[in-house]
Amino acid sequence: MKELQEIQSELKAPKNQRNNFGKYNYRSCEDILEAVKPLLAKYKCTLTLSDEIRELGGLIFVESTAFMQCNENFWEARAQAGIDPNRKGMDIAQSFGSSSSYSRKYALNGLFLIDDTKDADSTNTHGKAPKTQAKELEWLNKGTPEFTKVQAYLKGGGTMENVLKKYKVSNATKELLK
């Protein structure tokens, strides 16, 4: 039990992703995995994720399990997410993949006690934030026009120090910019 408690207390999984449409930051399943891997190695634990497609009352959903083992001890957490095979703008594989990623993220949140009370759904002001609020730096994300501009800026001799004055940049994104 000690290993799980240590990992839960040491794990820091920042919200390195940005939804520019909804104007909120979030963490992905991949962000959590990136943050937890060094702790798993430190405490000699393993983590596996699995998905099972289920149907209940005509509703198709994915149930994900996060399973962690340290020596003879093991723990698991499960989460579910609905699958809409007719989701606009996605083919069926993307719809299943999106639901799997979402479900896995929440299984990991449950296992590692990641608190999402300040996540998008609870903090999204739907564009009606008070005008007195100081402007927060936006996250720089791969695949955005801003990312392309920063790449060009750095290739032209610009500094990462100046980029960090304008954007929040995750370690993974910094590596992509090198």
Protein backbone atom coordinates (compact mmCIF):
# COMPACT_ATOMS: atom_id res chain seq x y z
CA MET A 1 0.00 0.00 0.00
CA LYS A 2 2.94 2.29 0.70
CA GLU A 3 3.96 2.54 -2.97
CA LEU A 4 0.51 3.65 -4.11
CA GLN A 5 0.35 6.28 -1.38
CA GLU A 6 3.79 7.60 -2.30
CA ILE A 7 2.95 7.79 -6.01
CA GLN A 8 -0.38 9.48 -5.28
CA SER A 9 1.33 12.12 -3.12
CA GLU A 10 4.29 12.73 -5.48
CA LEU A 11 2.45 12.71 -8.82
CA LYS A 12 2.19 16.08 -10.53
CA ALA A 13 0.28 15.96 -13.82
CA PRO A 14 -0.14 19.54 -15.03
CA LYS A 15 -2.76 20.58 -17.52
CA ASN A 16 -0.44 21.02 -20.52
CA GLN A 17 -3.13 20.94 -23.21
CA ARG A 18 -5.26 23.85 -24.35
CA ASN A 19 -8.75 23.88 -25.80
CA ASN A 20 -8.74 27.22 -27.59
CA PHE A 21 -12.41 26.94 -28.55
CA GLY A 22 -13.53 26.44 -24.95
CA LYS A 23 -10.65 28.55 -23.62
CA TYR A 24 -9.52 26.11 -20.93
CA ASN A 25 -6.51 23.98 -20.11
CA TYR A 26 -6.74 20.26 -19.52
CA ARG A 27 -4.56 17.20 -19.03
CA SER A 28 -4.71 14.24 -21.38
CA CYS A 29 -4.24 10.57 -20.66
CA GLU A 30 -0.80 10.89 -22.24
CA ASP A 31 0.10 13.76 -19.87
CA ILE A 32 -0.74 11.59 -16.86
CA LEU A 33 1.26 8.66 -18.23
CA GLU A 34 4.27 10.89 -18.92
CA ALA A 35 4.17 12.17 -15.33
CA VAL A 36 3.68 8.78 -13.65
CA LYS A 37 6.30 6.71 -15.52
CA PRO A 38 9.29 7.98 -13.50
CA LEU A 39 7.43 7.27 -10.25
CA LEU A 40 6.54 3.76 -11.40
CA ALA A 41 10.23 3.14 -12.08
CA LYS A 42 11.25 4.68 -8.74
CA TYR A 43 8.92 2.39 -6.77
CA LYS A 44 9.40 -0.63 -9.07
CA CYS A 45 5.73 -0.80 -10.03
CA THR A 46 3.97 -1.61 -13.27
CA LEU A 47 0.89 -0.03 -14.76
CA THR A 48 -1.32 -1.48 -17.46
CA LEU A 49 -4.38 -0.05 -19.13
CA SER A 50 -7.06 -2.08 -20.84
CA ASP A 51 -10.36 -1.38 -22.53
CA GLU A 52 -13.51 -3.42 -22.91
CA ILE A 53 -16.35 -2.40 -25.21
CA ARG A 54 -19.71 -2.92 -23.56
CA GLU A 55 -23.36 -2.35 -24.30
CA LEU A 56 -26.09 -1.68 -21.79
CA GLY A 57 -29.63 -0.82 -22.75
CA GLY A 58 -28.59 0.00 -26.30
CA LEU A 59 -25.80 2.35 -25.17
CA ILE A 60 -22.32 1.42 -26.40
CA PHE A 61 -19.48 2.43 -24.08
CA VAL A 62 -15.86 1.66 -23.33
CA GLU A 63 -14.86 0.59 -19.84
CA SER A 64 -11.20 1.20 -19.09
CA THR A 65 -9.19 -0.35 -16.29
CA ALA A 66 -5.98 1.09 -14.86
CA PHE A 67 -4.15 -1.74 -13.09
CA MET A 68 -1.03 -1.12 -10.98
CA GLN A 69 1.13 -3.76 -9.35
CA CYS A 70 3.99 -3.39 -6.85
CA ASN A 71 5.46 -6.67 -5.62
CA GLU A 72 2.48 -8.73 -4.41
CA ASN A 73 0.18 -5.72 -4.04
CA PHE A 74 -2.14 -4.56 -6.79
CA TRP A 75 -4.80 -1.92 -7.27
CA GLU A 76 -7.20 -1.08 -10.05
CA ALA A 77 -9.63 1.64 -10.98
CA ARG A 78 -12.25 1.66 -13.73
CA ALA A 79 -14.02 4.36 -15.67
CA GLN A 80 -16.49 4.42 -18.55
CA ALA A 81 -17.18 6.68 -21.50
CA GLY A 82 -19.99 6.49 -24.04
CA ILE A 83 -19.23 5.95 -27.72
CA ASP A 84 -21.14 7.81 -30.40
CA PRO A 85 -20.36 6.04 -33.69
CA ASN A 86 -22.14 8.85 -35.57
CA ARG A 87 -20.16 11.70 -34.00
CA LYS A 88 -19.86 14.52 -36.48
CA GLY A 89 -16.35 15.05 -37.86
CA MET A 90 -15.04 11.65 -36.73
CA ASP A 91 -14.90 8.28 -38.37
CA ILE A 92 -15.80 5.27 -36.24
CA ALA A 93 -12.18 4.51 -35.25
CA GLN A 94 -11.70 8.10 -34.05
CA SER A 95 -14.93 7.95 -32.07
CA PHE A 96 -13.86 4.74 -30.31
CA GLY A 97 -10.32 6.09 -29.75
CA SER A 98 -11.58 9.36 -28.29
CA SER A 99 -13.86 7.53 -25.86
CA SER A 100 -11.05 5.14 -24.91
CA SER A 101 -8.65 8.01 -24.18
CA TYR A 102 -11.29 9.81 -22.10
CA SER A 103 -12.17 6.67 -20.14
CA ARG A 104 -8.51 5.79 -19.52
CA LYS A 105 -7.82 9.33 -18.28
CA TYR A 106 -10.55 9.04 -15.66
CA ALA A 107 -9.46 5.54 -14.62
CA LEU A 108 -5.98 6.99 -14.02
CA ASN A 109 -7.51 9.95 -12.17
CA GLY A 110 -9.28 7.50 -9.87
CA LEU A 111 -6.24 5.31 -9.26
CA PHE A 112 -3.85 8.18 -8.58
CA LEU A 113 -6.37 10.53 -6.87
CA ILE A 114 -5.91 13.27 -9.45
CA ASP A 115 -8.30 16.02 -8.52
CA ASP A 116 -10.12 17.53 -11.49
CA THR A 117 -12.43 19.79 -9.51
CA LYS A 118 -10.78 22.76 -11.20
CA ASP A 119 -11.10 21.22 -14.64
CA ALA A 120 -12.85 22.70 -17.65
CA ASP A 121 -16.38 21.87 -16.61
CA SER A 122 -16.09 23.62 -13.26
CA THR A 123 -14.07 26.65 -14.35
CA ASN A 124 -15.34 27.32 -17.85
CA THR A 125 -17.00 30.75 -17.78
CA HIS A 126 -18.18 30.42 -21.39
CA GLY A 127 -16.47 33.67 -22.36
CA LYS A 128 -17.94 35.68 -19.47
CA ALA A 129 -14.87 36.00 -17.24
CA PRO A 130 -14.63 39.16 -15.16
CA LYS A 131 -12.71 41.90 -16.95
CA THR A 132 -10.55 42.51 -13.87
CA GLN A 133 -8.90 39.10 -14.29
CA ALA A 134 -5.20 39.26 -15.23
CA LYS A 135 -4.41 37.69 -18.60
CA GLU A 136 -2.98 34.21 -18.13
CA LEU A 137 -0.38 32.89 -20.56
CA GLU A 138 -1.76 30.45 -23.11
CA TRP A 139 -0.31 26.98 -23.60
CA LEU A 140 1.72 26.45 -26.75
CA ASN A 141 0.50 23.26 -28.42
CA LYS A 142 1.85 21.27 -31.35
CA GLY A 143 -0.14 21.66 -34.55
CA THR A 144 -1.35 25.19 -33.87
CA PRO A 145 -0.51 28.28 -35.95
CA GLU A 146 1.25 29.68 -32.86
CA PHE A 147 3.48 26.59 -32.68
CA THR A 148 4.50 27.10 -36.32
CA LYS A 149 5.28 30.78 -35.65
CA VAL A 150 7.39 29.90 -32.62
CA GLN A 151 9.30 27.29 -34.64
CA ALA A 152 10.11 29.92 -37.26
CA TYR A 153 11.04 32.44 -34.56
CA LEU A 154 13.47 30.00 -32.91
CA LYS A 155 14.99 28.96 -36.26
CA GLY A 156 15.55 32.64 -36.99
CA GLY A 157 17.61 33.05 -33.81
CA GLY A 158 14.87 33.77 -31.27
CA THR A 159 15.24 32.54 -27.71
CA MET A 160 13.16 30.11 -25.67
CA GLU A 161 13.34 32.68 -22.86
CA ASN A 162 11.27 35.11 -24.95
CA VAL A 163 8.85 32.35 -25.96
CA LEU A 164 8.25 31.57 -22.27
CA LYS A 165 7.31 35.21 -21.67
CA LYS A 166 4.41 34.79 -24.10
CA TYR A 167 3.41 31.10 -23.72
CA LYS A 168 3.33 28.27 -21.24
CA VAL A 169 5.35 25.42 -22.79
CA SER A 170 5.38 21.82 -21.56
CA ASN A 171 8.64 19.86 -21.50
CA ALA A 172 7.33 17.64 -24.31
CA THR A 173 6.60 20.69 -26.48
CA LYS A 174 10.05 22.15 -25.69
CA GLU A 175 11.61 18.93 -26.99
CA LEU A 176 9.61 19.23 -30.22
CA LEU A 177 10.87 22.78 -30.69
CA LYS A 178 14.56 21.81 -30.36
